[in-house]
């Protein structure tokens, strides 16, 4: 199974936008680690939007 390029671009863009990390640093993350950051950012955004 391959991991789609569009999905990688979305993940990298999401982390870069929120953490301002350089592309190379984000791409150096192992996939599970990058997904964990994506999940954490989503949780933070959800809490903020709900006023928590």
N, C-alpha and C. Protein backbone atom coordinates (compact mmCIF):
# COMPACT_ATOMS: atom_id res chain seq x y z
N UNK A 1 0.84 -1.18 0.00
CA UNK A 1 0.00 0.00 0.00
C UNK A 1 0.88 1.24 0.00
N UNK A 2 0.57 2.16 -0.84
CA UNK A 2 1.34 3.40 -0.91
C UNK A 2 0.61 4.50 -0.17
N UNK A 3 1.39 5.43 0.26
CA UNK A 3 0.85 6.58 0.97
C UNK A 3 0.79 7.72 -0.03
N UNK A 4 -0.40 8.22 -0.30
CA UNK A 4 -0.60 9.21 -1.35
C UNK A 4 0.15 10.51 -1.13
N UNK A 5 0.68 11.02 -2.22
CA UNK A 5 1.42 12.29 -2.16
C UNK A 5 0.53 13.43 -1.67
N UNK A 6 -0.74 13.43 -2.07
CA UNK A 6 -1.64 14.50 -1.63
C UNK A 6 -1.79 14.49 -0.11
N UNK A 7 -1.86 13.31 0.46
CA UNK A 7 -2.00 13.21 1.92
C UNK A 7 -0.74 13.70 2.62
N UNK A 8 0.41 13.36 2.10
CA UNK A 8 1.67 13.82 2.69
C UNK A 8 1.73 15.35 2.63
N UNK A 9 1.36 15.92 1.48
CA UNK A 9 1.37 17.38 1.35
C UNK A 9 0.44 18.02 2.38
N UNK A 10 -0.73 17.45 2.59
CA UNK A 10 -1.67 18.00 3.58
C UNK A 10 -1.08 17.94 4.99
N UNK A 11 -0.50 16.79 5.34
CA UNK A 11 0.09 16.65 6.67
C UNK A 11 1.23 17.63 6.88
N UNK A 12 2.13 17.69 5.91
CA UNK A 12 3.29 18.57 6.03
C UNK A 12 2.85 20.03 6.09
N UNK A 13 1.90 20.41 5.25
CA UNK A 13 1.41 21.79 5.26
C UNK A 13 0.76 22.15 6.58
N UNK A 14 0.01 21.22 7.13
CA UNK A 14 -0.68 21.44 8.40
C UNK A 14 0.31 21.68 9.53
N UNK A 15 1.32 20.81 9.63
CA UNK A 15 2.33 20.96 10.68
C UNK A 15 3.15 22.23 10.45
N UNK A 16 3.55 22.48 9.23
CA UNK A 16 4.35 23.67 8.92
C UNK A 16 3.59 24.95 9.25
N UNK A 17 2.31 24.98 8.91
CA UNK A 17 1.50 26.16 9.16
C UNK A 17 1.40 26.46 10.66
N UNK A 18 1.18 25.43 11.45
CA UNK A 18 0.94 25.64 12.88
C UNK A 18 2.22 25.74 13.70
N UNK A 19 3.25 25.00 13.33
CA UNK A 19 4.49 25.00 14.13
C UNK A 19 5.61 25.79 13.48
N UNK A 20 5.44 26.18 12.23
CA UNK A 20 6.47 26.96 11.51
C UNK A 20 7.80 26.22 11.41
N UNK A 21 7.72 24.91 11.29
CA UNK A 21 8.92 24.10 11.12
C UNK A 21 9.29 24.05 9.65
N UNK A 22 10.59 23.93 9.36
CA UNK A 22 11.01 23.83 7.95
C UNK A 22 10.58 22.48 7.36
N UNK A 23 10.43 22.48 6.06
CA UNK A 23 10.00 21.29 5.33
C UNK A 23 10.87 20.07 5.66
N UNK A 24 12.17 20.26 5.66
CA UNK A 24 13.08 19.14 5.89
C UNK A 24 12.85 18.50 7.25
N UNK A 25 12.60 19.32 8.25
CA UNK A 25 12.38 18.79 9.61
C UNK A 25 11.11 17.95 9.67
N UNK A 26 10.07 18.40 8.99
CA UNK A 26 8.81 17.67 9.00
C UNK A 26 8.94 16.38 8.21
N UNK A 27 9.59 16.43 7.07
CA UNK A 27 9.75 15.24 6.26
C UNK A 27 10.66 14.21 6.91
N UNK A 28 11.55 14.66 7.80
CA UNK A 28 12.43 13.74 8.51
C UNK A 28 11.69 12.93 9.57
N UNK A 29 10.49 13.36 9.95
CA UNK A 29 9.72 12.62 10.94
C UNK A 29 9.24 11.30 10.35
N UNK A 30 9.23 10.27 11.16
CA UNK A 30 8.62 9.02 10.74
C UNK A 30 7.12 9.26 10.61
N UNK A 31 6.48 8.52 9.74
CA UNK A 31 5.06 8.74 9.49
C UNK A 31 4.21 8.73 10.75
N UNK A 32 4.34 7.72 11.63
CA UNK A 32 3.51 7.73 12.85
C UNK A 32 3.75 8.96 13.73
N UNK A 33 4.99 9.42 13.77
CA UNK A 33 5.30 10.61 14.57
C UNK A 33 4.67 11.85 13.95
N UNK A 34 4.74 11.96 12.63
CA UNK A 34 4.11 13.10 11.94
C UNK A 34 2.61 13.09 12.16
N UNK A 35 1.98 11.93 12.09
CA UNK A 35 0.54 11.83 12.33
C UNK A 35 0.19 12.21 13.76
N UNK A 36 1.06 11.88 14.69
CA UNK A 36 0.80 12.26 16.08
C UNK A 36 0.78 13.77 16.23
N UNK A 37 1.70 14.46 15.56
CA UNK A 37 1.69 15.92 15.59
C UNK A 37 0.42 16.47 14.94
N UNK A 38 0.01 15.89 13.83
CA UNK A 38 -1.22 16.31 13.17
C UNK A 38 -2.40 16.16 14.13
N UNK A 39 -2.48 15.03 14.81
CA UNK A 39 -3.57 14.80 15.77
C UNK A 39 -3.53 15.79 16.93
N UNK A 40 -2.34 16.07 17.43
CA UNK A 40 -2.20 17.01 18.54
C UNK A 40 -2.62 18.42 18.13
N UNK A 41 -2.22 18.83 16.94
CA UNK A 41 -2.61 20.15 16.44
C UNK A 41 -4.13 20.22 16.31
N UNK A 42 -4.73 19.17 15.77
CA UNK A 42 -6.19 19.14 15.62
C UNK A 42 -6.87 19.25 16.98
N UNK A 43 -6.34 18.54 17.98
CA UNK A 43 -6.90 18.63 19.34
C UNK A 43 -6.80 20.04 19.90
N UNK A 44 -5.66 20.66 19.72
CA UNK A 44 -5.46 22.04 20.19
C UNK A 44 -6.46 22.97 19.51
N UNK A 45 -6.59 22.84 18.19
CA UNK A 45 -7.53 23.70 17.45
C UNK A 45 -8.97 23.48 17.90
N UNK A 46 -9.33 22.24 18.18
CA UNK A 46 -10.67 21.94 18.64
C UNK A 46 -10.93 22.58 19.99
N UNK A 47 -9.98 22.45 20.92
CA UNK A 47 -10.14 23.04 22.25
C UNK A 47 -10.25 24.56 22.15
N UNK A 48 -9.44 25.16 21.32
CA UNK A 48 -9.49 26.62 21.16
C UNK A 48 -10.84 27.05 20.59
N UNK A 49 -11.32 26.34 19.58
CA UNK A 49 -12.58 26.73 18.95
C UNK A 49 -13.77 26.52 19.88
N UNK A 50 -13.62 25.62 20.86
CA UNK A 50 -14.68 25.36 21.83
C UNK A 50 -14.52 26.21 23.09
N UNK A 51 -13.50 27.06 23.10
CA UNK A 51 -13.28 27.94 24.22
C UNK A 51 -12.77 27.26 25.48
N UNK A 52 -12.07 26.17 25.31
CA UNK A 52 -11.51 25.46 26.47
C UNK A 52 -10.08 25.83 26.73
